[in-house]
Amino acid sequence: MRVNLPHAERSRLGFRAGFCLFIGAVGVLAQDKVIRLRNETISTPPKAGAVLQAQVAESPASGLFLVQFNNPLQPAWREQLRQMRVELVRYVPEDAFVAQFNGVSPGQVKRLSFVHWVGGYRSQHKLDARLKSEGNSKVRVLLSPQASAKERAILRRSLRTLGHETRLRFGNLLQGEVTPRQLSALADSDAVLWIEPAPKPKLLDEISSKIVGGDDGAAGTRTLTQQLGFDGSGVAVAVADTGLNNGDAATMHPDLAGRVDKFFYYGSLIDAADEHSHGTHVTGIIAGNAATGEPDESGHLFGLGVAPGAHIVVQRVFDAVGNDELPPDKETLTRDAVRAGAVIGSNSWGDDVQGRYDLSAYEFDALVRDADSETAGDQPYILEFSAGNAGPGAQTLDSPAVGKNVIATGASENDRFDFFIYADGEDTMADFSSRGPCEDGRLKPDVVAPGTWIASLQSESATDENAWLPIDNYYQYQGGTSQAGPHVSGAAAVFVQYYRQTHGGATPSPALVKA
C-alpha cells in the first residue's frame, strides 16, 4: 500500500497490502463452554435445567444446526453422526460445528455421550453487522457445500443482480446485489451459511534490502545472503498489482530485463503496462538487480531488490488510478500464477475490515493449500499480503492479510536519517502501519519490513505523481505497507532457493515459509 505525503501518518489511501459464522440455542453441559459467533459470544452453562433440556426438539428435523462437543472432534464421532444423517459442515469455536441435519431428531443427537450441546442455526446469525438494513446492498453469499443444485439455482435467481459465482471446496460463493427483502430471504435459507458486504480492494533500494537480507557495512555491495549465493535464482514470484513498466518483456526496465516470464491482465484492462508505477515499484523491491549501477549520494545502489535472481509473473489487477479489476473468482489469480511457474504471490492491496476475518481471507486461506483445484492433488502456494495503512490504532488489519494461512506484512521505518519524516530508525514501527490483534484475538501482522522512503523502480508508462519523491527516469521513492510486503516476498524467494538447494530440490510448504 502506498502512503501519500505529507500526511502519511493519517493516510488510509493507496494499495494495501476457522471463519466463525454461527449460532446459539440450548442444551445441558458438564462444564462452562462458549460458542463464539461473528456478532456475539454465547455462553453455554454447565447445568441448563430440565426446562431447557425439554426445548431440544424430539421430532425429526432437517436444516442447519449447531452441534457442540465435550472435547475436540474425534473421527469416530464424525462417522457416527454421518450414519445418523448428520453432516458436519463448518467448524465454530469452541469445539462446535455447523451441521446439516437430514430428518434427524436434535434430541437424539443431544443424547450422544460426546455431544455437549445442540441448537438451531438461525437467520440472524448469518448476517454481517455491517450490512445495511435499508436500500440495496452488494453482498457475498457463502453457500453450504451440502446445498443441492436446485437450491443453488433458486438462490442465484433470488439476487437482484448476480455478478459472479465461484465454486470452491467449502461451498459456492455468490456475489451480487440484493434488496432488503431479498437479503432476509437469503438469510432464511438452509443453503446459506453467511452473508457479508462485497469487498472493495484498494492499493494500500539497497538500504532497505540490506535490512532484510543482511548488511556487510559497505555501500554499493550486495546483501549478505546474495553474497552467499542466495538471491532467489530459480524461483518465480507472481506480483498482483498495477502491472509492470510498459508490459513488454523485450523492452523491460534494465533492473528486471530477462526475468519476466509471463504477463496477465484481468477485467476491462487491455494490457499489463503499469500506468501508476506502484506495481513496478513493488516488483523492483522483490527482484531488482541494480543493473543500472546508479548510486545514491552515499554510494548505495538504487534498485537492488531482496531477490535479484528471481523471476517475475505479472498480474495486472488495478488500473491507472487504483480501481481494482480483480477477477471475481480469486482462484483465477492463483491458478494462472502457479501454472506460470510461480510459487510465491506478492499482494500489496486489501480491504479495510478492521481485523475482521471475512470471506476474502477465508478464500485465500484455502488457496494457500491448493491454488489450482482443476489440477490433480494440492498445489501449495505461498501468499503474502500487506497489512494495511490504517494504523496506528489497534485492530486495524486489512483483509486478506487477516487470514490464517497467508503472511501479513506490516511496515517498519527504513534506515534513512537523511529525510526529516520517518527518520526514527529501522527498529521503529511506521505509524501508518495497520496493527493487530485480529477481531478474533489472533496476533497479526506476522512480520514487519521496511516501508518508508523505499527507493525502487519507476514505470516508463507512468508519471511520478504517485511518488513520495522522484529520483530520475529509472527510480523513485514510495512508502507504505505496500513497500514492506515485497521485501518479505523477496525474502521468501531467497528461502525457497536455499531450501531447494539443501533438501534435494524440494519446495518448502507455505506453513514452513511462514514459520
Protein backbone atom coordinates (compact mmCIF):
# COMPACT_ATOMS: atom_id res chain seq x y z
CA MET A 1 0.00 0.00 0.00
CA ARG A 2 1.27 3.44 -0.81
CA VAL A 3 1.02 6.24 1.75
CA ASN A 4 0.70 9.77 0.40
CA LEU A 5 2.80 12.58 1.85
CA PRO A 6 2.76 14.93 3.68
CA HIS A 7 0.09 13.29 5.80
CA ALA A 8 1.33 9.70 5.61
CA GLU A 9 0.70 9.05 9.28
CA ARG A 10 -3.01 9.63 8.74
CA SER A 11 -3.36 8.30 5.25
CA ARG A 12 -5.57 5.33 4.56
CA LEU A 13 -5.28 5.67 0.80
CA GLY A 14 -3.23 3.69 -1.63
CA PHE A 15 -2.59 -0.01 -2.07
CA ARG A 16 -2.66 -2.43 0.72
CA ALA A 17 -1.23 -4.91 1.10
CA GLY A 18 -11.91 -21.23 11.49
CA PHE A 19 -14.19 -18.49 9.79
CA CYS A 20 -16.76 -18.08 12.56
CA LEU A 21 -20.22 -17.83 11.13
CA PHE A 22 -22.52 -19.14 13.62
CA ILE A 23 -25.30 -19.69 16.23
CA GLY A 24 -26.86 -20.37 19.58
CA ALA A 25 -29.54 -22.42 21.28
CA VAL A 26 -29.98 -24.55 24.39
CA GLY A 27 -28.51 -27.63 25.97
CA VAL A 28 -27.05 -29.26 29.05
CA LEU A 29 -23.29 -29.09 29.58
CA ALA A 30 -20.89 -30.64 32.03
CA GLN A 31 -18.77 -27.50 32.21
CA ASP A 32 -18.79 -23.89 31.09
CA LYS A 33 -18.28 -23.53 27.35
CA VAL A 34 -18.96 -20.80 24.83
CA ILE A 35 -19.81 -20.52 21.16
CA ARG A 36 -18.01 -17.63 19.50
CA LEU A 37 -20.25 -16.16 16.84
CA ARG A 38 -19.32 -13.38 14.45
CA ASN A 39 -21.53 -10.88 16.26
CA GLU A 40 -21.76 -12.25 19.79
CA THR A 41 -20.41 -14.86 22.19
CA ILE A 42 -22.96 -17.28 23.61
CA SER A 43 -22.30 -18.91 26.97
CA THR A 44 -23.49 -22.49 27.42
CA PRO A 45 -23.54 -23.06 31.20
CA PRO A 46 -22.93 -26.44 32.86
CA LYS A 47 -26.50 -27.08 34.01
CA ALA A 48 -29.18 -25.72 31.78
CA GLY A 49 -32.00 -27.39 33.70
CA ALA A 50 -34.83 -29.73 32.80
CA VAL A 51 -36.93 -26.99 31.18
CA LEU A 52 -34.17 -26.07 28.74
CA GLN A 53 -33.41 -29.74 28.09
CA ALA A 54 -37.02 -30.24 27.08
CA GLN A 55 -36.69 -27.47 24.50
CA VAL A 56 -34.35 -29.60 22.39
CA ALA A 57 -36.70 -30.92 19.73
CA GLU A 58 -37.51 -34.64 19.66
CA SER A 59 -39.24 -34.69 16.27
CA PRO A 60 -37.14 -35.28 13.12
CA ALA A 61 -35.81 -32.09 11.57
CA SER A 62 -33.86 -31.05 8.51
CA GLY A 63 -31.72 -27.95 8.09
CA LEU A 64 -28.72 -26.28 9.68
CA PHE A 65 -27.97 -26.83 13.36
CA LEU A 66 -25.02 -26.32 15.62
CA VAL A 67 -23.50 -29.27 17.47
CA GLN A 68 -21.04 -28.62 20.30
CA PHE A 69 -18.85 -31.44 21.57
CA ASN A 70 -17.44 -32.14 25.02
CA ASN A 71 -13.93 -32.18 23.56
CA PRO A 72 -12.21 -31.66 20.20
CA LEU A 73 -13.85 -33.71 17.46
CA GLN A 74 -12.75 -37.32 17.00
CA PRO A 75 -13.03 -39.07 13.60
CA ALA A 76 -15.24 -41.78 15.10
CA TRP A 77 -17.74 -39.16 16.27
CA ARG A 78 -17.97 -37.67 12.79
CA GLU A 79 -18.61 -41.11 11.31
CA GLN A 80 -21.29 -41.95 13.88
CA LEU A 81 -23.08 -38.68 13.13
CA ARG A 82 -22.82 -39.31 9.40
CA GLN A 83 -24.56 -42.64 9.85
CA MET A 84 -27.34 -40.75 11.65
CA ARG A 85 -27.65 -38.44 8.57
CA VAL A 86 -25.82 -35.53 10.21
CA GLU A 87 -23.05 -33.90 8.15
CA LEU A 88 -20.60 -31.54 9.87
CA VAL A 89 -20.22 -28.53 7.59
CA ARG A 90 -18.07 -25.86 9.26
CA TYR A 91 -16.09 -25.55 12.48
CA VAL A 92 -17.14 -22.94 15.05
CA PRO A 93 -15.12 -22.10 18.18
CA GLU A 94 -15.18 -23.75 20.61
CA ASP A 95 -15.47 -27.49 19.84
CA ALA A 96 -18.56 -26.91 17.71
CA PHE A 97 -19.69 -27.32 14.11
CA VAL A 98 -22.49 -26.07 11.94
CA ALA A 99 -24.15 -29.30 10.84
CA GLN A 100 -26.67 -30.32 8.20
CA PHE A 101 -29.46 -32.45 9.70
CA ASN A 102 -31.41 -34.65 7.28
CA GLY A 103 -34.56 -35.88 9.04
CA VAL A 104 -32.84 -36.30 12.41
CA SER A 105 -34.13 -35.55 15.90
CA PRO A 106 -31.96 -32.88 17.59
CA GLY A 107 -32.79 -34.54 20.90
CA GLN A 108 -31.39 -37.83 19.64
CA VAL A 109 -28.12 -36.11 18.73
CA LYS A 110 -28.04 -34.31 22.08
CA ARG A 111 -28.17 -37.61 23.97
CA LEU A 112 -24.95 -38.88 22.39
CA SER A 113 -22.30 -39.19 25.10
CA PHE A 114 -19.78 -36.99 23.27
CA VAL A 115 -22.24 -34.19 22.39
CA HIS A 116 -22.29 -31.20 24.69
CA TRP A 117 -24.98 -29.01 23.18
CA VAL A 118 -27.34 -28.76 20.20
CA GLY A 119 -29.14 -25.74 18.78
CA GLY A 120 -30.51 -24.23 15.60
CA TYR A 121 -28.55 -22.02 13.24
CA ARG A 122 -30.83 -19.01 12.84
CA SER A 123 -31.05 -16.45 10.06
CA GLN A 124 -29.88 -13.52 12.21
CA HIS A 125 -26.60 -15.31 12.85
CA LYS A 126 -25.80 -15.35 9.11
CA LEU A 127 -25.82 -11.58 8.62
CA ASP A 128 -22.67 -9.48 8.94
CA ALA A 129 -23.32 -6.50 11.22
CA ARG A 130 -22.03 -4.14 8.52
CA LEU A 131 -24.92 -4.93 6.17
CA LYS A 132 -27.38 -2.09 5.67
CA SER A 133 -30.98 -2.53 6.81
CA GLU A 134 -32.22 -0.08 4.18
CA GLY A 135 -31.50 0.20 0.48
CA ASN A 136 -29.83 -2.27 -1.82
CA SER A 137 -26.58 -3.96 -0.79
CA LYS A 138 -23.72 -5.51 -2.72
CA VAL A 139 -23.01 -8.79 -0.97
CA ARG A 140 -21.06 -12.02 -0.98
CA VAL A 141 -23.04 -15.10 0.00
CA LEU A 142 -21.38 -18.32 1.17
CA LEU A 143 -23.46 -21.40 0.40
CA SER A 144 -23.31 -24.67 2.26
CA PRO A 145 -21.32 -27.40 0.48
CA GLN A 146 -24.42 -29.54 1.16
CA ALA A 147 -26.62 -27.24 -0.96
CA SER A 148 -28.24 -29.08 -3.87
CA ALA A 149 -28.10 -27.93 -7.49
CA LYS A 150 -31.76 -26.95 -7.23
CA GLU A 151 -31.13 -24.87 -4.09
CA ARG A 152 -28.18 -23.12 -5.72
CA ALA A 153 -30.28 -22.28 -8.78
CA ILE A 154 -33.05 -20.82 -6.59
CA LEU A 155 -30.54 -18.71 -4.67
CA ARG A 156 -28.96 -17.38 -7.86
CA ARG A 157 -32.38 -16.24 -9.04
CA SER A 158 -33.14 -14.66 -5.67
CA LEU A 159 -30.46 -11.97 -6.10
CA ARG A 160 -31.45 -8.69 -7.74
CA THR A 161 -28.32 -9.00 -9.86
CA LEU A 162 -25.78 -11.83 -9.89
CA GLY A 163 -22.26 -10.64 -10.58
CA HIS A 164 -20.42 -13.92 -10.27
CA GLU A 165 -20.47 -17.40 -8.78
CA THR A 166 -17.28 -19.02 -7.53
CA ARG A 167 -17.17 -22.78 -6.96
CA LEU A 168 -14.95 -23.70 -4.02
CA ARG A 169 -14.39 -26.79 -1.91
CA PHE A 170 -16.00 -25.25 1.14
CA GLY A 171 -19.13 -24.07 -0.70
CA ASN A 172 -20.03 -21.79 -3.58
CA LEU A 173 -19.70 -18.01 -3.28
CA LEU A 174 -22.31 -15.78 -4.89
CA GLN A 175 -21.59 -12.09 -5.41
CA GLY A 176 -24.27 -9.65 -6.43
CA GLU A 177 -26.78 -7.04 -5.32
CA VAL A 178 -29.85 -7.63 -3.15
CA THR A 179 -32.79 -5.65 -1.82
CA PRO A 180 -33.53 -5.74 1.94
CA ARG A 181 -36.31 -8.26 1.29
CA GLN A 182 -34.03 -10.49 -0.78
CA LEU A 183 -31.36 -10.26 1.91
CA SER A 184 -33.82 -11.52 4.51
CA ALA A 185 -34.90 -14.39 2.26
CA LEU A 186 -31.30 -15.43 1.68
CA ALA A 187 -30.63 -15.50 5.41
CA ASP A 188 -33.69 -17.71 5.92
CA SER A 189 -32.38 -20.35 3.52
CA ASP A 190 -30.81 -23.51 4.95
CA ALA A 191 -28.47 -23.50 1.96
CA VAL A 192 -26.83 -20.24 3.11
CA LEU A 193 -24.06 -20.13 5.73
CA TRP A 194 -23.03 -16.46 5.76
CA ILE A 195 -23.68 -13.09 4.07
CA GLU A 196 -21.34 -10.09 4.17
CA PRO A 197 -20.72 -6.87 2.22
CA ALA A 198 -18.83 -7.36 -1.03
CA PRO A 199 -15.16 -6.34 -0.61
CA LYS A 200 -13.70 -3.15 -2.07
CA PRO A 201 -9.97 -3.84 -2.54
CA LYS A 202 -7.64 -0.86 -2.83
CA LEU A 203 -3.92 -0.28 -3.25
CA LEU A 204 -2.60 0.07 0.00
CA ASP A 205 16.92 0.44 -2.73
CA GLU A 206 19.84 -1.12 -1.36
CA ILE A 207 19.46 0.19 2.19
CA SER A 208 16.11 -1.47 2.90
CA SER A 209 17.14 -4.69 1.14
CA LYS A 210 20.17 -4.94 3.44
CA ILE A 211 17.94 -4.61 6.49
CA VAL A 212 16.13 -7.72 5.25
CA GLY A 213 18.99 -9.62 3.58
CA GLY A 214 21.94 -8.71 5.79
CA ASP A 215 24.35 -5.75 5.75
CA ASP A 216 28.12 -6.08 5.34
CA GLY A 217 28.58 -2.45 6.38
CA ALA A 218 29.79 -1.25 2.99
CA ALA A 219 27.98 0.89 0.43
CA GLY A 220 27.45 -0.32 -3.13
CA THR A 221 27.60 -4.03 -2.27
CA ARG A 222 25.05 -6.85 -2.33
CA THR A 223 23.19 -8.16 0.70
CA LEU A 224 24.91 -10.83 2.77
CA THR A 225 22.51 -13.52 1.57
CA GLN A 226 23.23 -12.52 -2.03
CA GLN A 227 26.97 -12.65 -1.38
CA LEU A 228 26.46 -16.21 -0.09
CA GLY A 229 24.83 -17.14 -3.39
CA PHE A 230 21.18 -16.97 -2.34
CA ASP A 231 19.41 -14.40 -4.49
CA GLY A 232 16.15 -16.14 -5.40
CA SER A 233 17.53 -17.80 -8.53
CA GLY A 234 15.22 -20.45 -9.93
CA VAL A 235 12.22 -19.06 -8.04
CA ALA A 236 9.29 -17.23 -9.65
CA VAL A 237 7.18 -14.67 -7.78
CA ALA A 238 3.78 -13.53 -9.05
CA VAL A 239 3.00 -9.86 -8.40
CA ALA A 240 -0.70 -8.92 -8.48
CA ASP A 241 -0.70 -5.14 -8.79
CA THR A 242 -0.92 -2.31 -11.35
CA GLY A 243 1.20 -4.07 -13.96
CA LEU A 244 4.88 -3.72 -14.79
CA ASN A 245 6.70 -0.97 -16.68
CA ASN A 246 5.49 -0.98 -20.31
CA GLY A 247 4.06 -4.50 -20.24
CA ASP A 248 6.68 -5.76 -22.71
CA ALA A 249 9.38 -8.25 -21.69
CA ALA A 250 11.53 -7.29 -24.69
CA THR A 251 11.91 -3.67 -23.56
CA MET A 252 11.76 -4.16 -19.81
CA HIS A 253 13.27 -1.92 -17.12
CA PRO A 254 17.04 -2.70 -17.04
CA ASP A 255 16.87 -3.97 -13.46
CA LEU A 256 14.38 -6.71 -14.45
CA ALA A 257 15.47 -7.45 -18.02
CA GLY A 258 15.36 -11.12 -18.98
CA ARG A 259 13.50 -12.23 -15.85
CA VAL A 260 9.82 -11.50 -16.59
CA ASP A 261 8.20 -14.80 -17.55
CA LYS A 262 4.53 -14.03 -18.13
CA PHE A 263 2.01 -11.18 -18.26
CA PHE A 264 -1.65 -11.44 -17.25
CA TYR A 265 -4.32 -8.75 -17.10
CA TYR A 266 -7.92 -9.01 -16.00
CA GLY A 267 -11.35 -7.41 -16.18
CA SER A 268 -11.56 -4.45 -18.56
CA LEU A 269 -7.78 -3.98 -18.70
CA ILE A 270 -6.28 -4.33 -22.17
CA ASP A 271 -2.60 -4.86 -21.31
CA ALA A 272 -0.17 -5.28 -18.41
CA ALA A 273 1.52 -1.88 -18.68
CA ASP A 274 1.89 -0.02 -15.38
CA GLU A 275 0.30 3.42 -15.73
CA HIS A 276 0.53 4.06 -11.98
CA SER A 277 4.09 2.89 -11.11
CA HIS A 278 3.02 1.11 -7.92
CA GLY A 279 3.37 -2.36 -9.46
CA THR A 280 6.76 -1.57 -10.97
CA HIS A 281 7.99 -0.15 -7.67
CA VAL A 282 6.99 -3.20 -5.59
CA THR A 283 8.36 -5.61 -8.22
CA GLY A 284 11.73 -3.88 -8.04
CA ILE A 285 11.79 -4.36 -4.26
CA ILE A 286 11.37 -8.09 -4.81
CA ALA A 287 13.68 -8.72 -7.73
CA GLY A 288 15.52 -5.60 -8.92
CA ASN A 289 19.21 -6.27 -9.62
CA ALA A 290 20.53 -2.66 -9.77
CA ALA A 291 21.73 -3.24 -13.34
CA THR A 292 21.96 0.50 -14.00
CA GLY A 293 24.65 0.75 -11.32
CA GLU A 294 23.22 4.08 -10.23
CA PRO A 295 24.09 5.00 -6.60
CA ASP A 296 22.60 7.47 -4.15
CA GLU A 297 24.69 10.25 -2.60
CA SER A 298 26.16 7.77 -0.08
CA GLY A 299 27.11 5.18 -2.69
CA HIS A 300 24.23 2.78 -2.04
CA LEU A 301 22.78 1.18 -5.17
CA PHE A 302 19.34 2.22 -6.32
CA GLY A 303 17.15 -0.66 -7.49
CA LEU A 304 18.72 -3.53 -5.55
CA GLY A 305 15.94 -5.90 -4.53
CA VAL A 306 15.96 -8.68 -1.95
CA ALA A 307 15.96 -11.49 -4.55
CA PRO A 308 17.70 -10.12 -7.68
CA GLY A 309 17.90 -13.58 -9.23
CA ALA A 310 14.17 -14.30 -9.01
CA HIS A 311 11.82 -14.33 -11.99
CA ILE A 312 8.52 -12.46 -12.13
CA VAL A 313 4.98 -13.32 -13.22
CA VAL A 314 2.99 -10.10 -13.75
CA GLN A 315 -0.72 -9.99 -12.89
CA ARG A 316 -2.28 -6.60 -13.54
CA VAL A 317 -5.37 -6.23 -11.34
CA PHE A 318 -5.59 -2.43 -10.87
CA ASP A 319 -5.97 0.38 -13.39
CA ALA A 320 -4.06 3.65 -13.71
CA VAL A 321 -5.89 5.33 -10.81
CA GLY A 322 -6.10 2.36 -8.46
CA ASN A 323 -9.52 0.93 -9.32
CA ASP A 324 -9.49 -2.83 -8.89
CA GLU A 325 -10.06 -5.23 -11.77
CA LEU A 326 -9.61 -8.36 -9.69
CA PRO A 327 -11.32 -11.44 -11.11
CA PRO A 328 -14.40 -12.37 -9.03
CA ASP A 329 -13.04 -15.90 -8.71
CA LYS A 330 -9.76 -15.40 -6.83
CA GLU A 331 -8.62 -18.88 -7.83
CA THR A 332 -8.17 -17.44 -11.32
CA LEU A 333 -5.27 -15.41 -9.89
CA THR A 334 -3.60 -18.28 -8.09
CA ARG A 335 -4.25 -20.80 -10.88
CA ASP A 336 -2.69 -18.53 -13.50
CA ALA A 337 0.28 -17.89 -11.22
CA VAL A 338 1.14 -21.49 -10.38
CA ARG A 339 0.63 -22.63 -13.97
CA ALA A 340 3.11 -19.95 -15.00
CA GLY A 341 5.61 -21.40 -12.51
CA ALA A 342 5.19 -19.07 -9.53
CA VAL A 343 5.48 -20.46 -6.00
CA ILE A 344 5.01 -17.10 -4.21
CA GLY A 345 2.29 -14.48 -4.65
CA SER A 346 3.00 -10.89 -3.57
CA ASN A 347 -0.06 -8.70 -2.95
CA SER A 348 0.20 -5.07 -1.85
CA TRP A 349 -3.54 -4.42 -1.58
CA GLY A 350 -6.51 -5.16 0.64
CA ASP A 351 -9.88 -4.15 2.03
CA ASP A 352 -10.30 -2.19 5.28
CA VAL A 353 -12.17 -4.62 7.56
CA GLN A 354 -10.75 -3.59 10.98
CA GLY A 355 -9.28 -7.04 11.64
CA ARG A 356 -12.45 -8.97 10.80
CA TYR A 357 -11.97 -12.41 9.26
CA ASP A 358 -14.14 -12.23 6.13
CA LEU A 359 -14.86 -14.39 3.11
CA SER A 360 -11.92 -12.96 1.15
CA ALA A 361 -9.50 -14.07 3.86
CA TYR A 362 -11.28 -17.41 4.05
CA GLU A 363 -10.98 -17.89 0.29
CA PHE A 364 -7.26 -17.05 0.14
CA ASP A 365 -6.55 -19.29 3.15
CA ALA A 366 -7.94 -22.19 1.12
CA LEU A 367 -5.91 -21.17 -1.94
CA VAL A 368 -2.67 -21.34 0.06
CA ARG A 369 -3.33 -25.05 0.45
CA ASP A 370 -4.43 -25.61 -3.15
CA ALA A 371 -4.04 -22.81 -5.68
CA ASP A 372 -5.41 -24.82 -8.60
CA SER A 373 -8.32 -27.15 -7.86
CA GLU A 374 -8.53 -28.15 -11.54
CA THR A 375 -5.18 -29.93 -11.30
CA ALA A 376 -4.97 -33.29 -9.53
CA GLY A 377 -3.58 -33.11 -6.00
CA ASP A 378 -2.84 -29.99 -3.99
CA GLN A 379 -0.85 -27.11 -5.48
CA PRO A 380 0.53 -25.22 -2.42
CA TYR A 381 1.12 -21.51 -2.91
CA ILE A 382 2.90 -19.05 -0.62
CA LEU A 383 0.72 -15.94 -0.36
CA GLU A 384 1.93 -12.65 1.16
CA PHE A 385 -0.35 -9.65 1.75
CA SER A 386 0.38 -6.15 3.02
CA ALA A 387 -1.20 -5.49 6.41
CA GLY A 388 -2.79 -2.13 5.58
CA ASN A 389 -2.20 1.57 6.18
CA ALA A 390 -4.89 2.16 8.81
CA GLY A 391 -2.60 2.44 11.87
CA PRO A 392 -1.57 3.29 14.48
CA GLY A 393 -4.74 2.12 16.23
CA ALA A 394 -5.31 -1.46 17.35
CA GLN A 395 -7.37 -3.96 15.32
CA THR A 396 -6.88 -2.15 12.02
CA LEU A 397 -5.65 -5.04 9.86
CA ASP A 398 -6.89 -5.38 6.28
CA SER A 399 -8.23 -8.46 4.53
CA PRO A 400 -6.94 -10.77 3.09
CA ALA A 401 -3.93 -10.05 5.36
CA VAL A 402 -6.12 -11.03 8.32
CA GLY A 403 -6.12 -14.61 7.00
CA LYS A 404 -4.70 -17.54 8.94
CA ASN A 405 -2.54 -19.15 6.24
CA VAL A 406 -1.30 -16.04 4.42
CA ILE A 407 1.72 -13.99 5.52
CA ALA A 408 0.71 -10.50 6.69
CA THR A 409 3.43 -7.83 6.50
CA GLY A 410 3.46 -4.60 8.47
CA ALA A 411 5.82 -1.66 7.92
CA SER A 412 8.83 -0.56 9.93
CA GLU A 413 10.89 2.52 9.14
CA ASN A 414 13.82 2.45 6.76
CA ASP A 415 17.35 3.38 7.82
CA ARG A 416 17.24 6.80 6.19
CA PHE A 417 18.14 9.63 8.54
CA ASP A 418 18.60 11.98 5.59
CA PHE A 419 14.84 12.57 5.48
CA PHE A 420 13.14 14.50 8.27
CA ILE A 421 9.90 12.44 8.17
CA TYR A 422 10.14 8.81 9.33
CA ALA A 423 13.73 9.24 10.50
CA ASP A 424 13.47 7.27 13.76
CA GLY A 425 15.45 4.25 12.56
CA GLU A 426 14.90 0.69 11.42
CA ASP A 427 13.69 -0.55 14.84
CA THR A 428 10.65 1.76 14.75
CA MET A 429 7.20 0.78 13.51
CA ALA A 430 5.79 3.16 10.89
CA ASP A 431 2.80 4.89 12.47
CA PHE A 432 0.58 4.29 9.44
CA SER A 433 1.09 0.51 9.53
CA SER A 434 -2.06 -1.43 10.50
CA ARG A 435 -1.91 -3.23 13.83
CA GLY A 436 -3.46 -6.30 15.39
CA PRO A 437 -4.89 -8.11 17.08
CA CYS A 438 -7.50 -9.53 14.73
CA GLU A 439 -11.11 -9.29 15.81
CA ASP A 440 -10.97 -12.92 16.97
CA GLY A 441 -7.85 -12.27 19.09
CA ARG A 442 -5.17 -13.72 16.78
CA LEU A 443 -1.88 -11.83 16.69
CA LYS A 444 -1.05 -10.10 13.41
CA PRO A 445 0.81 -8.94 11.39
CA ASP A 446 3.16 -11.91 11.12
CA VAL A 447 6.27 -9.89 10.26
CA VAL A 448 7.34 -6.32 9.55
CA ALA A 449 9.78 -4.96 6.98
CA PRO A 450 10.91 -1.50 5.86
CA GLY A 451 8.09 0.57 4.40
CA THR A 452 9.23 4.21 4.46
CA TRP A 453 11.38 6.04 1.92
CA ILE A 454 11.89 2.96 -0.23
CA ALA A 455 13.84 3.62 -3.42
CA SER A 456 12.77 1.33 -6.24
CA LEU A 457 11.82 1.27 -9.89
CA GLN A 458 9.85 3.88 -11.85
CA SER A 459 7.50 2.73 -14.63
CA GLU A 460 8.13 4.25 -18.03
CA SER A 461 4.35 4.16 -18.64
CA ALA A 462 3.56 6.41 -15.67
CA THR A 463 4.36 9.86 -14.36
CA ASP A 464 5.96 10.36 -10.95
CA GLU A 465 2.80 11.91 -9.42
CA ASN A 466 2.36 8.96 -7.03
CA ALA A 467 5.93 9.07 -5.75
CA TRP A 468 6.92 10.22 -2.28
CA LEU A 469 9.87 11.79 -4.08
CA PRO A 470 11.07 11.37 -7.69
CA ILE A 471 14.68 10.34 -8.26
CA ASP A 472 15.06 10.12 -12.05
CA ASN A 473 13.55 8.28 -15.02
CA TYR A 474 14.51 4.90 -13.54
CA TYR A 475 13.77 5.30 -9.82
CA GLN A 476 11.53 6.95 -7.24
CA TYR A 477 10.78 6.83 -3.52
CA GLN A 478 7.48 5.40 -2.26
CA GLY A 479 6.27 4.13 1.10
CA GLY A 480 3.54 2.16 2.85
CA THR A 481 2.90 -1.44 3.80
CA SER A 482 2.75 -1.96 0.02
CA GLN A 483 6.50 -1.44 0.04
CA ALA A 484 7.05 -3.56 3.17
CA GLY A 485 5.30 -6.62 1.76
CA PRO A 486 7.56 -7.13 -1.29
CA HIS A 487 10.61 -7.27 0.99
CA VAL A 488 9.04 -10.33 2.62
CA SER A 489 8.04 -11.85 -0.72
CA GLY A 490 11.63 -11.44 -1.86
CA ALA A 491 12.93 -12.98 1.37
CA ALA A 492 10.57 -15.92 0.79
CA ALA A 493 12.09 -16.41 -2.67
CA VAL A 494 15.59 -16.46 -1.16
CA PHE A 495 14.48 -19.04 1.41
CA VAL A 496 12.83 -21.23 -1.23
CA GLN A 497 16.08 -21.24 -3.22
CA TYR A 498 18.09 -22.12 -0.10
CA TYR A 499 15.67 -24.89 0.91
CA ARG A 500 15.68 -26.46 -2.53
CA GLN A 501 19.47 -26.49 -2.63
CA THR A 502 19.73 -28.09 0.80
CA HIS A 503 16.77 -30.51 0.57
CA GLY A 504 17.17 -32.28 -2.74
CA GLY A 505 15.14 -29.82 -4.79
CA ALA A 506 12.01 -29.98 -2.63
CA THR A 507 9.98 -26.78 -2.28
CA PRO A 508 9.12 -25.81 1.32
CA SER A 509 5.46 -25.73 2.30
CA PRO A 510 3.70 -22.38 2.80
CA ALA A 511 3.40 -23.22 6.51
CA LEU A 512 7.16 -23.72 6.82
CA VAL A 513 7.93 -20.48 4.98
CA LYS A 514 5.50 -18.57 7.19
CA ALA A 515 7.03 -20.08 10.32
